[in-house]
Amino acid sequence: MIWKALLIDLDFEFFEKAVMEICKEYVDFYPGTNIPALIRKEAKRFKSEAMRKKNTFKEKFDRYKLEAASPEEAKKFMEKAKFKIKEIPKVTA
């Protein structure tokens, strides 16, 4: 019960990875070993790594491409907003 209260706020993905890593790497546990703190430390490391990978330029650019309007949507918006432009540039892949 106490460990659950100490670890309930962790994302399950990072909790699971942390427990797996600790089980693979730690040979001995001593009476004074704070296992919930070890799990939190490893989970934090995995979360940091995931965030670092997610915030690369390529990831940000890929997310932007998914969220960006298509040329047709942009043209409709420009017409609806009554913006006057000669031509909307074509996007090349």
PDB file of N, CA and C in Angstrom:
ATOM      1  N   MET A   1       0.824  -1.203   0.000  1.00  0.00           N
ATOM      2  CA  MET A   1       0.000   0.000   0.000  1.00  0.00           C
ATOM      3  C   MET A   1       0.857   1.251   0.000  1.00  0.00           C
ATOM      4  N   ILE A   2       1.905   1.281   0.811  1.00  0.00           N
ATOM      5  CA  ILE A   2       2.755   2.467   0.885  1.00  0.00           C
ATOM      6  C   ILE A   2       3.471   2.684  -0.437  1.00  0.00           C
ATOM      7  N   TRP A   3       4.017   1.618  -1.020  1.00  0.00           N
ATOM      8  CA  TRP A   3       4.709   1.762  -2.287  1.00  0.00           C
ATOM      9  C   TRP A   3       3.750   2.260  -3.367  1.00  0.00           C
ATOM     10  N   LYS A   4       2.528   1.778  -3.358  1.00  0.00           N
ATOM     11  CA  LYS A   4       1.539   2.232  -4.340  1.00  0.00           C
ATOM     12  C   LYS A   4       1.317   3.729  -4.202  1.00  0.00           C
ATOM     13  N   ALA A   5       1.186   4.200  -2.981  1.00  0.00           N
ATOM     14  CA  ALA A   5       0.986   5.634  -2.745  1.00  0.00           C
ATOM     15  C   ALA A   5       2.202   6.443  -3.199  1.00  0.00           C
ATOM     16  N   LEU A   6       3.399   5.878  -3.057  1.00  0.00           N
ATOM     17  CA  LEU A   6       4.616   6.574  -3.450  1.00  0.00           C
ATOM     18  C   LEU A   6       4.831   6.600  -4.959  1.00  0.00           C
ATOM     19  N   LEU A   7       4.261   5.635  -5.666  1.00  0.00           N
ATOM     20  CA  LEU A   7       4.564   5.482  -7.093  1.00  0.00           C
ATOM     21  C   LEU A   7       3.366   5.687  -8.013  1.00  0.00           C
ATOM     22  N   ILE A   8       2.196   5.969  -7.458  1.00  0.00           N
ATOM     23  CA  ILE A   8       0.964   6.033  -8.249  1.00  0.00           C
ATOM     24  C   ILE A   8       0.994   7.130  -9.319  1.00  0.00           C
ATOM     25  N   ASP A   9       1.774   8.180  -9.100  1.00  0.00           N
ATOM     26  CA  ASP A   9       1.791   9.302 -10.035  1.00  0.00           C
ATOM     27  C   ASP A   9       2.675   9.068 -11.264  1.00  0.00           C
ATOM     28  N   LEU A  10       3.431   7.979 -11.298  1.00  0.00           N
ATOM     29  CA  LEU A  10       4.298   7.703 -12.444  1.00  0.00           C
ATOM     30  C   LEU A  10       3.484   7.170 -13.622  1.00  0.00           C
ATOM     31  N   ASP A  11       3.881   7.565 -14.834  1.00  0.00           N
ATOM     32  CA  ASP A  11       3.283   6.977 -16.035  1.00  0.00           C
ATOM     33  C   ASP A  11       3.636   5.497 -16.054  1.00  0.00           C
ATOM     34  N   PHE A  12       2.664   4.661 -16.390  1.00  0.00           N
ATOM     35  CA  PHE A  12       2.913   3.216 -16.354  1.00  0.00           C
ATOM     36  C   PHE A  12       4.053   2.816 -17.273  1.00  0.00           C
ATOM     37  N   GLU A  13       4.152   3.436 -18.433  1.00  0.00           N
ATOM     38  CA  GLU A  13       5.222   3.099 -19.388  1.00  0.00           C
ATOM     39  C   GLU A  13       6.599   3.279 -18.747  1.00  0.00           C
ATOM     40  N   PHE A  14       6.806   4.420 -18.084  1.00  0.00           N
ATOM     41  CA  PHE A  14       8.104   4.696 -17.478  1.00  0.00           C
ATOM     42  C   PHE A  14       8.312   3.863 -16.212  1.00  0.00           C
ATOM     43  N   PHE A  15       7.239   3.619 -15.477  1.00  0.00           N
ATOM     44  CA  PHE A  15       7.324   2.754 -14.299  1.00  0.00           C
ATOM     45  C   PHE A  15       7.784   1.357 -14.705  1.00  0.00           C
ATOM     46  N   GLU A  16       7.156   0.818 -15.744  1.00  0.00           N
ATOM     47  CA  GLU A  16       7.492  -0.531 -16.210  1.00  0.00           C
ATOM     48  C   GLU A  16       8.941  -0.605 -16.684  1.00  0.00           C
ATOM     49  N   LYS A  17       9.375   0.387 -17.459  1.00  0.00           N
ATOM     50  CA  LYS A  17      10.757   0.398 -17.943  1.00  0.00           C
ATOM     51  C   LYS A  17      11.734   0.494 -16.775  1.00  0.00           C
ATOM     52  N   ALA A  18      11.405   1.313 -15.780  1.00  0.00           N
ATOM     53  CA  ALA A  18      12.273   1.479 -14.621  1.00  0.00           C
ATOM     54  C   ALA A  18      12.419   0.173 -13.854  1.00  0.00           C
ATOM     55  N   VAL A  19      11.316  -0.510 -13.607  1.00  0.00           N
ATOM     56  CA  VAL A  19      11.364  -1.776 -12.876  1.00  0.00           C
ATOM     57  C   VAL A  19      12.164  -2.813 -13.662  1.00  0.00           C
ATOM     58  N   MET A  20      11.944  -2.869 -14.969  1.00  0.00           N
ATOM     59  CA  MET A  20      12.694  -3.816 -15.803  1.00  0.00           C
ATOM     60  C   MET A  20      14.191  -3.513 -15.750  1.00  0.00           C
ATOM     61  N   GLU A  21      14.541  -2.256 -15.839  1.00  0.00           N
ATOM     62  CA  GLU A  21      15.952  -1.861 -15.807  1.00  0.00           C
ATOM     63  C   GLU A  21      16.590  -2.205 -14.461  1.00  0.00           C
ATOM     64  N   ILE A  22      15.906  -1.918 -13.382  1.00  0.00           N
ATOM     65  CA  ILE A  22      16.420  -2.220 -12.044  1.00  0.00           C
ATOM     66  C   ILE A  22      16.596  -3.730 -11.872  1.00  0.00           C
ATOM     67  N   CYS A  23      15.635  -4.498 -12.328  1.00  0.00           N
ATOM     68  CA  CYS A  23      15.734  -5.964 -12.206  1.00  0.00           C
ATOM     69  C   CYS A  23      16.889  -6.516 -13.039  1.00  0.00           C
ATOM     70  N   LYS A  24      17.184  -5.886 -14.167  1.00  0.00           N
ATOM     71  CA  LYS A  24      18.282  -6.349 -15.011  1.00  0.00           C
ATOM     72  C   LYS A  24      19.647  -5.934 -14.469  1.00  0.00           C
ATOM     73  N   GLU A  25      19.747  -4.748 -13.894  1.00  0.00           N
ATOM     74  CA  GLU A  25      21.050  -4.175 -13.560  1.00  0.00           C
ATOM     75  C   GLU A  25      21.489  -4.341 -12.108  1.00  0.00           C
ATOM     76  N   TYR A  26      20.576  -4.364 -11.173  1.00  0.00           N
ATOM     77  CA  TYR A  26      20.943  -4.427  -9.760  1.00  0.00           C
ATOM     78  C   TYR A  26      21.028  -5.885  -9.305  1.00  0.00           C
ATOM     79  N   VAL A  27      22.189  -6.249  -8.806  1.00  0.00           N
ATOM     80  CA  VAL A  27      22.407  -7.619  -8.357  1.00  0.00           C
ATOM     81  C   VAL A  27      21.955  -7.786  -6.908  1.00  0.00           C
ATOM     82  N   ASP A  28      22.293  -6.823  -6.071  1.00  0.00           N
ATOM     83  CA  ASP A  28      21.998  -6.916  -4.643  1.00  0.00           C
ATOM     84  C   ASP A  28      21.144  -5.750  -4.170  1.00  0.00           C
ATOM     85  N   PHE A  29      20.216  -6.070  -3.299  1.00  0.00           N
ATOM     86  CA  PHE A  29      19.463  -5.044  -2.590  1.00  0.00           C
ATOM     87  C   PHE A  29      19.802  -5.192  -1.116  1.00  0.00           C
ATOM     88  N   TYR A  30      20.066  -4.087  -0.483  1.00  0.00           N
ATOM     89  CA  TYR A  30      20.438  -4.117   0.930  1.00  0.00           C
ATOM     90  C   TYR A  30      19.261  -3.637   1.772  1.00  0.00           C
ATOM     91  N   PRO A  31      19.260  -3.919   3.067  1.00  0.00           N
ATOM     92  CA  PRO A  31      18.140  -3.504   3.923  1.00  0.00           C
ATOM     93  C   PRO A  31      17.849  -1.997   3.859  1.00  0.00           C
ATOM     94  N   GLY A  32      18.861  -1.195   3.622  1.00  0.00           N
ATOM     95  CA  GLY A  32      18.646   0.256   3.568  1.00  0.00           C
ATOM     96  C   GLY A  32      18.321   0.786   2.185  1.00  0.00           C
ATOM     97  N   THR A  33      18.218  -0.083   1.185  1.00  0.00           N
ATOM     98  CA  THR A  33      17.939   0.361  -0.186  1.00  0.00           C
ATOM     99  C   THR A  33      16.510   0.881  -0.282  1.00  0.00           C
ATOM    100  N   ASN A  34      16.381   2.094  -0.764  1.00  0.00           N
ATOM    101  CA  ASN A  34      15.070   2.720  -0.942  1.00  0.00           C
ATOM    102  C   ASN A  34      14.581   2.376  -2.354  1.00  0.00           C
ATOM    103  N   ILE A  35      13.893   1.267  -2.476  1.00  0.00           N
ATOM    104  CA  ILE A  35      13.480   0.768  -3.789  1.00  0.00           C
ATOM    105  C   ILE A  35      12.503   1.714  -4.494  1.00  0.00           C
ATOM    106  N   PRO A  36      11.496   2.281  -3.814  1.00  0.00           N
ATOM    107  CA  PRO A  36      10.639   3.239  -4.514  1.00  0.00           C
ATOM    108  C   PRO A  36      11.422   4.428  -5.079  1.00  0.00           C
ATOM    109  N   ALA A  37      12.438   4.889  -4.351  1.00  0.00           N
ATOM    110  CA  ALA A  37      13.260   5.998  -4.850  1.00  0.00           C
ATOM    111  C   ALA A  37      14.062   5.572  -6.076  1.00  0.00           C
ATOM    112  N   LEU A  38      14.560   4.327  -6.080  1.00  0.00           N
ATOM    113  CA  LEU A  38      15.262   3.811  -7.258  1.00  0.00           C
ATOM    114  C   LEU A  38      14.334   3.772  -8.471  1.00  0.00           C
ATOM    115  N   ILE A  39      13.122   3.298  -8.244  1.00  0.00           N
ATOM    116  CA  ILE A  39      12.144   3.224  -9.339  1.00  0.00           C
ATOM    117  C   ILE A  39      11.843   4.625  -9.859  1.00  0.00           C
ATOM    118  N   ARG A  40      11.630   5.589  -8.966  1.00  0.00           N
ATOM    119  CA  ARG A  40      11.345   6.966  -9.380  1.00  0.00           C
ATOM    120  C   ARG A  40      12.517   7.548 -10.175  1.00  0.00           C
ATOM    121  N   LYS A  41      13.737   7.298  -9.700  1.00  0.00           N
ATOM    122  CA  LYS A  41      14.935   7.821 -10.367  1.00  0.00           C
ATOM    123  C   LYS A  41      15.040   7.281 -11.789  1.00  0.00           C
ATOM    124  N   GLU A  42      14.858   5.977 -11.944  1.00  0.00           N
ATOM    125  CA  GLU A  42      14.928   5.367 -13.277  1.00  0.00           C
ATOM    126  C   GLU A  42      13.786   5.839 -14.172  1.00  0.00           C
ATOM    127  N   ALA A  43      12.591   5.936 -13.617  1.00  0.00           N
ATOM    128  CA  ALA A  43      11.435   6.406 -14.395  1.00  0.00           C
ATOM    129  C   ALA A  43      11.675   7.832 -14.881  1.00  0.00           C
ATOM    130  N   LYS A  44      12.246   8.659 -14.028  1.00  0.00           N
ATOM    131  CA  LYS A  44      12.553  10.043 -14.408  1.00  0.00           C
ATOM    132  C   LYS A  44      13.568  10.066 -15.553  1.00  0.00           C
ATOM    133  N   ARG A  45      14.553   9.182 -15.486  1.00  0.00           N
ATOM    134  CA  ARG A  45      15.561   9.108 -16.552  1.00  0.00           C
ATOM    135  C   ARG A  45      14.917   8.694 -17.883  1.00  0.00           C
ATOM    136  N   PHE A  46      14.051   7.689 -17.843  1.00  0.00           N
ATOM    137  CA  PHE A  46      13.373   7.253 -19.067  1.00  0.00           C
ATOM    138  C   PHE A  46      12.475   8.357 -19.625  1.00  0.00           C
ATOM    139  N   LYS A  47      11.794   9.072 -18.739  1.00  0.00           N
ATOM    140  CA  LYS A  47      10.929  10.163 -19.187  1.00  0.00           C
ATOM    141  C   LYS A  47      11.752  11.272 -19.831  1.00  0.00           C
ATOM    142  N   SER A  48      12.896  11.602 -19.241  1.00  0.00           N
ATOM    143  CA  SER A  48      13.776  12.626 -19.813  1.00  0.00           C
ATOM    144  C   SER A  48      14.268  12.226 -21.193  1.00  0.00           C
ATOM    145  N   GLU A  49      14.657  10.967 -21.335  1.00  0.00           N
ATOM    146  CA  GLU A  49      15.115  10.467 -22.638  1.00  0.00           C
ATOM    147  C   GLU A  49      14.001  10.548 -23.676  1.00  0.00           C
ATOM    148  N   ALA A  50      12.788  10.183 -23.267  1.00  0.00           N
ATOM    149  CA  ALA A  50      11.649  10.228 -24.195  1.00  0.00           C
ATOM    150  C   ALA A  50      11.366  11.662 -24.630  1.00  0.00           C
ATOM    151  N   MET A  51      11.434  12.596 -23.685  1.00  0.00           N
ATOM    152  CA  MET A  51      11.183  14.002 -24.022  1.00  0.00           C
ATOM    153  C   MET A  51      12.277  14.546 -24.936  1.00  0.00           C
ATOM    154  N   ARG A  52      13.513  14.152 -24.679  1.00  0.00           N
ATOM    155  CA  ARG A  52      14.620  14.617 -25.507  1.00  0.00           C
ATOM    156  C   ARG A  52      14.447  14.116 -26.937  1.00  0.00           C
ATOM    157  N   LYS A  53      14.040  12.870 -27.094  1.00  0.00           N
ATOM    158  CA  LYS A  53      13.821  12.314 -28.427  1.00  0.00           C
ATOM    159  C   LYS A  53      12.636  12.987 -29.114  1.00  0.00           C
ATOM    160  N   LYS A  54      11.605  13.306 -28.331  1.00  0.00           N
ATOM    161  CA  LYS A  54      10.388  13.902 -28.888  1.00  0.00           C
ATOM    162  C   LYS A  54      10.618  15.335 -29.347  1.00  0.00           C
ATOM    163  N   ASN A  55      11.564  16.028 -28.739  1.00  0.00           N
ATOM    164  CA  ASN A  55      11.775  17.439 -29.038  1.00  0.00           C
ATOM    165  C   ASN A  55      12.887  17.700 -30.035  1.00  0.00           C
ATOM    166  N   THR A  56      13.233  16.704 -30.836  1.00  0.00           N
ATOM    167  CA  THR A  56      14.225  16.933 -31.879  1.00  0.00           C
ATOM    168  C   THR A  56      13.575  17.763 -32.987  1.00  0.00           C
ATOM    169  N   PHE A  57      14.400  18.388 -33.799  1.00  0.00           N
ATOM    170  CA  PHE A  57      13.875  19.215 -34.886  1.00  0.00           C
ATOM    171  C   PHE A  57      13.012  18.386 -35.827  1.00  0.00           C
ATOM    172  N   LYS A  58      13.478  17.174 -36.155  1.00  0.00           N
ATOM    173  CA  LYS A  58      12.722  16.325 -37.087  1.00  0.00           C
ATOM    174  C   LYS A  58      11.338  16.009 -36.522  1.00  0.00           C
ATOM    175  N   GLU A  59      11.266  15.665 -35.228  1.00  0.00           N
ATOM    176  CA  GLU A  59       9.969  15.363 -34.608  1.00  0.00           C
ATOM    177  C   GLU A  59       9.064  16.595 -34.643  1.00  0.00           C
ATOM    178  N   LYS A  60       9.609  17.753 -34.305  1.00  0.00           N
ATOM    179  CA  LYS A  60       8.805  18.977 -34.320  1.00  0.00           C
ATOM    180  C   LYS A  60       8.315  19.276 -35.733  1.00  0.00           C
ATOM    181  N   PHE A  61       9.206  19.106 -36.721  1.00  0.00           N
ATOM    182  CA  PHE A  61       8.827  19.364 -38.102  1.00  0.00           C
ATOM    183  C   PHE A  61       7.752  18.393 -38.562  1.00  0.00           C
ATOM    184  N   ASP A  62       7.883  17.114 -38.203  1.00  0.00           N
ATOM    185  CA  ASP A  62       6.869  16.120 -38.575  1.00  0.00           C
ATOM    186  C   ASP A  62       5.516  16.444 -37.953  1.00  0.00           C
ATOM    187  N   ARG A  63       5.525  16.881 -36.678  1.00  0.00           N
ATOM    188  CA  ARG A  63       4.259  17.273 -36.036  1.00  0.00           C
ATOM    189  C   ARG A  63       3.664  18.500 -36.732  1.00  0.00           C
ATOM    190  N   TYR A  64       4.528  19.449 -37.109  1.00  0.00           N
ATOM    191  CA  TYR A  64       4.051  20.646 -37.800  1.00  0.00           C
ATOM    192  C   TYR A  64       3.412  20.266 -39.135  1.00  0.00           C
ATOM    193  N   LYS A  65       4.050  19.360 -39.874  1.00  0.00           N
ATOM    194  CA  LYS A  65       3.494  18.943 -41.171  1.00  0.00           C
ATOM    195  C   LYS A  65       2.120  18.327 -40.998  1.00  0.00           C
ATOM    196  N   LEU A  66       1.940  17.541 -39.922  1.00  0.00           N
ATOM    197  CA  LEU A  66       0.636  16.913 -39.694  1.00  0.00           C
ATOM    198  C   LEU A  66      -0.430  17.948 -39.340  1.00  0.00           C
ATOM    199  N   GLU A  67      -0.015  19.006 -38.641  1.00  0.00           N
ATOM    200  CA  GLU A  67      -0.978  20.008 -38.185  1.00  0.00           C
ATOM    201  C   GLU A  67      -1.193  21.129 -39.197  1.00  0.00           C
ATOM    202  N   ALA A  68      -0.310  21.272 -40.168  1.00  0.00           N
ATOM    203  CA  ALA A  68      -0.383  22.367 -41.123  1.00  0.00           C
ATOM    204  C   ALA A  68      -1.559  22.164 -42.080  1.00  0.00           C
ATOM    205  N   ALA A  69      -2.094  23.267 -42.544  1.00  0.00           N
ATOM    206  CA  ALA A  69      -3.204  23.210 -43.489  1.00  0.00           C
ATOM    207  C   ALA A  69      -2.691  22.836 -44.871  1.00  0.00           C
ATOM    208  N   SER A  70      -3.529  22.141 -45.606  1.00  0.00           N
ATOM    209  CA  SER A  70      -3.180  21.817 -46.985  1.00  0.00           C
ATOM    210  C   SER A  70      -3.315  23.095 -47.822  1.00  0.00           C
ATOM    211  N   PRO A  71      -2.711  23.130 -49.005  1.00  0.00           N
ATOM    212  CA  PRO A  71      -2.839  24.317 -49.858  1.00  0.00           C
ATOM    213  C   PRO A  71      -4.297  24.659 -50.173  1.00  0.00           C
ATOM    214  N   GLU A  72      -5.129  23.623 -50.330  1.00  0.00           N
ATOM    215  CA  GLU A  72      -6.545  23.869 -50.631  1.00  0.00           C
ATOM    216  C   GLU A  72      -7.235  24.524 -49.429  1.00  0.00           C
ATOM    217  N   GLU A  73      -6.929  24.014 -48.220  1.00  0.00           N
ATOM    218  CA  GLU A  73      -7.514  24.613 -47.011  1.00  0.00           C
ATOM    219  C   GLU A  73      -7.043  26.050 -46.832  1.00  0.00           C
ATOM    220  N   ALA A  74      -5.781  26.290 -47.115  1.00  0.00           N
ATOM    221  CA  ALA A  74      -5.236  27.645 -46.992  1.00  0.00           C
ATOM    222  C   ALA A  74      -5.928  28.590 -47.977  1.00  0.00           C
ATOM    223  N   LYS A  75      -6.150  28.119 -49.206  1.00  0.00           N
ATOM    224  CA  LYS A  75      -6.812  28.949 -50.220  1.00  0.00           C
ATOM    225  C   LYS A  75      -8.240  29.287 -49.804  1.00  0.00           C
ATOM    226  N   LYS A  76      -8.980  28.280 -49.278  1.00  0.00           N
ATOM    227  CA  LYS A  76     -10.349  28.524 -48.803  1.00  0.00           C
ATOM    228  C   LYS A  76     -10.359  29.547 -47.670  1.00  0.00           C
ATOM    229  N   PHE A  77      -9.400  29.398 -46.750  1.00  0.00           N
ATOM    230  CA  PHE A  77      -9.319  30.346 -45.641  1.00  0.00           C
ATOM    231  C   PHE A  77      -9.040  31.750 -46.149  1.00  0.00           C
ATOM    232  N   MET A  78      -8.111  31.870 -47.088  1.00  0.00           N
ATOM    233  CA  MET A  78      -7.754  33.194 -47.629  1.00  0.00           C
ATOM    234  C   MET A  78      -8.961  33.821 -48.327  1.00  0.00           C
ATOM    235  N   GLU A  79      -9.717  33.031 -49.064  1.00  0.00           N
ATOM    236  CA  GLU A  79     -10.901  33.550 -49.748  1.00  0.00           C
ATOM    237  C   GLU A  79     -11.970  33.959 -48.740  1.00  0.00           C
ATOM    238  N   LYS A  80     -12.179  33.122 -47.732  1.00  0.00           N
ATOM    239  CA  LYS A  80     -13.183  33.421 -46.715  1.00  0.00           C
ATOM    240  C   LYS A  80     -12.814  34.683 -45.933  1.00  0.00           C
ATOM    241  N   ALA A  81     -11.534  34.854 -45.651  1.00  0.00           N
ATOM    242  CA  ALA A  81     -11.082  36.024 -44.902  1.00  0.00           C
ATOM    243  C   ALA A  81     -10.932  37.243 -45.813  1.00  0.00           C
ATOM    244  N   LYS A  82     -11.158  37.060 -47.112  1.00  0.00           N
ATOM    245  CA  LYS A  82     -11.071  38.118 -48.115  1.00  0.00           C
ATOM    246  C   LYS A  82      -9.680  38.722 -48.223  1.00  0.00           C
ATOM    247  N   PHE A  83      -8.667  37.864 -48.065  1.00  0.00           N
ATOM    248  CA  PHE A  83      -7.302  38.290 -48.315  1.00  0.00           C
ATOM    249  C   PHE A  83      -7.077  38.231 -49.817  1.00  0.00           C
ATOM    250  N   LYS A  84      -6.352  39.173 -50.333  1.00  0.00           N
ATOM    251  CA  LYS A  84      -6.110  39.188 -51.767  1.00  0.00           C
ATOM    252  C   LYS A  84      -4.643  38.863 -52.021  1.00  0.00           C
ATOM    253  N   ILE A  85      -4.446  37.747 -52.661  1.00  0.00           N
ATOM    254  CA  ILE A  85      -3.097  37.371 -53.091  1.00  0.00           C
ATOM    255  C   ILE A  85      -3.210  36.850 -54.498  1.00  0.00           C
ATOM    256  N   LYS A  86      -2.126  36.937 -55.224  1.00  0.00           N
ATOM    257  CA  LYS A  86      -2.171  36.509 -56.609  1.00  0.00           C
ATOM    258  C   LYS A  86      -2.190  34.992 -56.741  1.00  0.00           C
ATOM    259  N   GLU A  87      -1.345  34.316 -55.977  1.00  0.00           N
ATOM    260  CA  GLU A  87      -1.268  32.858 -56.100  1.00  0.00           C
ATOM    261  C   GLU A  87      -0.716  32.276 -54.801  1.00  0.00           C
ATOM    262  N   ILE A  88      -1.278  31.152 -54.409  1.00  0.00           N
ATOM    263  CA  ILE A  88      -0.754  30.430 -53.256  1.00  0.00           C
ATOM    264  C   ILE A  88       0.333  29.496 -53.786  1.00  0.00           C
ATOM    265  N   PRO A  89       1.542  29.630 -53.241  1.00  0.00           N
ATOM    266  CA  PRO A  89       2.624  28.768 -53.744  1.00  0.00           C
ATOM    267  C   PRO A  89       2.311  27.303 -53.552  1.00  0.00           C
ATOM    268  N   LYS A  90       2.723  26.502 -54.518  1.00  0.00           N
ATOM    269  CA  LYS A  90       2.502  25.058 -54.443  1.00  0.00           C
ATOM    270  C   LYS A  90       3.562  24.429 -53.552  1.00  0.00           C
ATOM    271  N   VAL A  91       3.130  23.462 -52.773  1.00  0.00           N
ATOM    272  CA  VAL A  91       4.029  22.754 -51.882  1.00  0.00           C
ATOM    273  C   VAL A  91       4.618  21.570 -52.620  1.00  0.00           C
ATOM    274  N   THR A  92       5.926  21.455 -52.561  1.00  0.00           N
ATOM    275  CA  THR A  92       6.558  20.297 -53.178  1.00  0.00           C
ATOM    276  C   THR A  92       7.087  19.401 -52.077  1.00  0.00           C
ATOM    277  N   ALA A  93       6.957  18.115 -52.287  1.00  0.00           N
ATOM    278  CA  ALA A  93       7.392  17.161 -51.255  1.00  0.00           C
ATOM    279  C   ALA A  93       8.837  16.818 -51.390  1.00  0.00           C
TER     280      ALA A  93
END
